[in-house]
């Protein structure tokens, strides 16, 4: 089982539709847990959201934090990584923080830290981008022609 644990609610709209489209293609689809955004100063928000994320991660889960400082693999490398993570036999959880990013204890708990590249992305776009890349990784692992290596 794979799970997406994210700060904030993805509101109805094209981003939610795109996430739903790719998530429906995943086998199995990501179970989604949305946590409320924190309140207070930036540091307090980051701490509170981090605590909420850590509470939501199942005890023995393989946690993958999405963070700008993480590894930014190409699609073929991501497919290899996802295959390894699934072979661990542990539930796979992807963690997306809020606007202030992930608190240090969340990054310390993570078994892997993944970046979608050096650019900063709005959180409402991260979910569909992650779902599409996980679908692409799944296609690569199963030999489906969706991914066309070497093409822009």
Protein backbone atom coordinates (compact mmCIF):
# COMPACT_ATOMS: atom_id res chain seq x y z
CA UNK A 1 0.00 0.00 0.00
CA UNK A 2 1.16 3.53 -0.78
CA UNK A 3 0.03 6.64 0.99
CA UNK A 4 0.33 10.37 0.42
CA UNK A 5 0.32 12.45 3.60
CA UNK A 6 0.10 16.16 2.88
CA UNK A 7 -0.40 19.41 4.69
CA UNK A 8 -3.39 21.31 3.37
CA UNK A 9 -6.47 20.40 1.42
CA UNK A 10 -6.43 20.09 -2.35
CA UNK A 11 -9.48 22.04 -3.42
CA UNK A 12 -11.73 21.12 -6.33
CA UNK A 13 -10.28 22.29 -9.61
CA UNK A 14 -7.97 21.30 -12.46
CA UNK A 15 -5.09 20.35 -10.14
CA UNK A 16 -7.32 17.99 -8.13
CA UNK A 17 -8.70 16.54 -11.38
CA UNK A 18 -5.19 15.94 -12.70
CA UNK A 19 -4.12 14.28 -9.44
CA UNK A 20 -7.24 12.07 -9.52
CA UNK A 21 -6.54 11.11 -13.13
CA UNK A 22 -3.00 9.88 -12.46
CA UNK A 23 -3.82 8.44 -9.05
CA UNK A 24 -6.56 6.31 -10.62
CA UNK A 25 -3.93 4.82 -12.96
CA UNK A 26 -1.68 3.74 -10.08
CA UNK A 27 -1.86 0.15 -8.88
CA UNK A 28 -2.69 0.47 -6.08
CA UNK A 29 -3.69 4.14 -5.99
CA UNK A 30 -2.29 6.38 -3.30
CA UNK A 31 -4.40 6.64 -0.17
CA UNK A 32 -4.50 10.36 0.67
CA UNK A 33 -4.36 11.84 4.15
CA UNK A 34 -4.74 15.62 4.33
CA UNK A 35 -3.67 17.42 7.48
CA UNK A 36 -4.66 20.96 8.46
CA UNK A 37 -2.27 23.82 7.91
CA UNK A 38 -0.56 25.12 11.05
CA UNK A 39 -1.14 28.54 12.57
CA UNK A 40 1.28 30.99 14.16
CA UNK A 41 4.74 32.24 13.26
CA UNK A 42 6.61 30.56 10.40
CA UNK A 43 8.71 28.52 12.85
CA UNK A 44 5.63 27.50 14.85
CA UNK A 45 3.73 26.51 11.69
CA UNK A 46 6.65 24.38 10.50
CA UNK A 47 6.95 22.69 13.91
CA UNK A 48 3.23 21.99 14.26
CA UNK A 49 2.88 20.68 10.73
CA UNK A 50 5.96 18.52 11.21
CA UNK A 51 4.51 17.00 14.38
CA UNK A 52 1.22 16.28 12.56
CA UNK A 53 3.04 14.61 9.67
CA UNK A 54 5.09 12.44 12.03
CA UNK A 55 1.95 11.36 13.92
CA UNK A 56 0.29 10.39 10.62
CA UNK A 57 3.13 8.17 9.38
CA UNK A 58 2.49 4.51 10.22
CA UNK A 59 5.12 3.14 12.64
CA UNK A 60 7.03 0.90 10.24
CA UNK A 61 6.37 2.81 7.01
CA UNK A 62 9.06 3.66 4.50
CA UNK A 63 8.76 7.45 4.51
CA UNK A 64 9.74 9.53 1.47
CA UNK A 65 9.85 13.25 2.19
CA UNK A 66 9.44 15.64 -0.73
CA UNK A 67 11.93 18.43 -0.19
CA UNK A 68 13.98 20.77 -2.35
CA UNK A 69 17.18 19.40 -0.80
CA UNK A 70 16.45 15.80 -1.76
CA UNK A 71 17.64 13.64 -4.63
CA UNK A 72 16.22 14.76 -7.98
CA UNK A 73 16.33 11.57 -10.06
CA UNK A 74 15.33 11.25 -13.66
CA UNK A 75 12.33 9.05 -14.37
CA UNK A 76 14.34 5.87 -14.96
CA UNK A 77 16.20 6.32 -11.66
CA UNK A 78 12.91 7.06 -9.86
CA UNK A 79 11.49 3.78 -11.18
CA UNK A 80 14.52 1.97 -9.74
CA UNK A 81 14.12 3.73 -6.40
CA UNK A 82 10.38 3.05 -6.17
CA UNK A 83 11.03 -0.61 -6.98
CA UNK A 84 13.59 -0.82 -4.16
CA UNK A 85 11.33 1.00 -1.72
CA UNK A 86 8.48 -1.39 -2.46
CA UNK A 87 10.78 -4.39 -2.09
CA UNK A 88 11.38 -3.32 1.52
CA UNK A 89 7.97 -4.83 2.31
CA UNK A 90 7.05 -1.72 4.28
CA UNK A 91 4.12 0.58 3.55
CA UNK A 92 5.32 3.44 1.35
CA UNK A 93 4.41 6.98 2.49
CA UNK A 94 5.12 10.20 0.62
CA UNK A 95 5.20 13.32 2.79
CA UNK A 96 4.42 16.81 1.49
CA UNK A 97 4.84 19.74 3.87
CA UNK A 98 3.13 23.08 3.89
CA UNK A 99 4.28 26.48 2.64
CA UNK A 100 7.04 26.65 5.28
CA UNK A 101 8.51 23.31 4.18
CA UNK A 102 9.34 20.25 6.26
CA UNK A 103 10.64 20.52 9.80
CA UNK A 104 14.02 18.92 10.59
CA UNK A 105 12.51 15.99 12.59
CA UNK A 106 10.43 15.02 9.52
CA UNK A 107 13.52 14.98 7.32
CA UNK A 108 15.38 13.01 10.00
CA UNK A 109 12.55 10.42 10.12
CA UNK A 110 12.45 10.07 6.33
CA UNK A 111 14.02 6.97 4.83
CA UNK A 112 14.50 8.91 1.58
CA UNK A 113 14.24 12.55 0.54
CA UNK A 114 13.02 13.25 -2.97
CA UNK A 115 13.01 16.51 -4.93
CA UNK A 116 10.94 17.31 -8.00
CA UNK A 117 13.80 19.53 -9.14
CA UNK A 118 15.47 22.77 -8.14
CA UNK A 119 12.46 24.97 -8.86
CA UNK A 120 9.91 25.76 -6.17
CA UNK A 121 6.46 24.35 -6.96
CA UNK A 122 3.12 25.37 -5.44
CA UNK A 123 1.89 22.63 -3.13
CA UNK A 124 -1.30 22.16 -5.14
CA UNK A 125 0.85 21.16 -8.15
CA UNK A 126 3.17 18.81 -6.25
CA UNK A 127 0.49 16.15 -5.79
CA UNK A 128 -0.37 15.69 -9.49
CA UNK A 129 3.32 15.91 -10.44
CA UNK A 130 4.19 13.19 -7.92
CA UNK A 131 1.27 10.99 -9.03
CA UNK A 132 2.29 11.33 -12.68
CA UNK A 133 5.91 10.43 -11.90
CA UNK A 134 4.80 7.43 -9.84
CA UNK A 135 2.60 6.31 -12.73
CA UNK A 136 5.56 6.79 -15.09
CA UNK A 137 7.76 4.74 -12.74
CA UNK A 138 5.09 2.03 -12.68
CA UNK A 139 4.96 2.06 -16.49
CA UNK A 140 8.75 1.75 -16.71
CA UNK A 141 8.80 -1.16 -14.24
CA UNK A 142 6.08 -3.03 -16.14
CA UNK A 143 7.40 -2.32 -19.63
CA UNK A 144 4.38 -0.20 -20.59
CA UNK A 145 5.13 2.19 -23.50
CA UNK A 146 3.94 5.34 -21.62
CA UNK A 147 7.52 6.43 -20.91
CA UNK A 148 9.68 7.22 -23.94
CA UNK A 149 13.28 7.33 -22.75
CA UNK A 150 15.55 9.74 -24.57
CA UNK A 151 12.75 11.98 -25.83
CA UNK A 152 12.14 15.47 -24.54
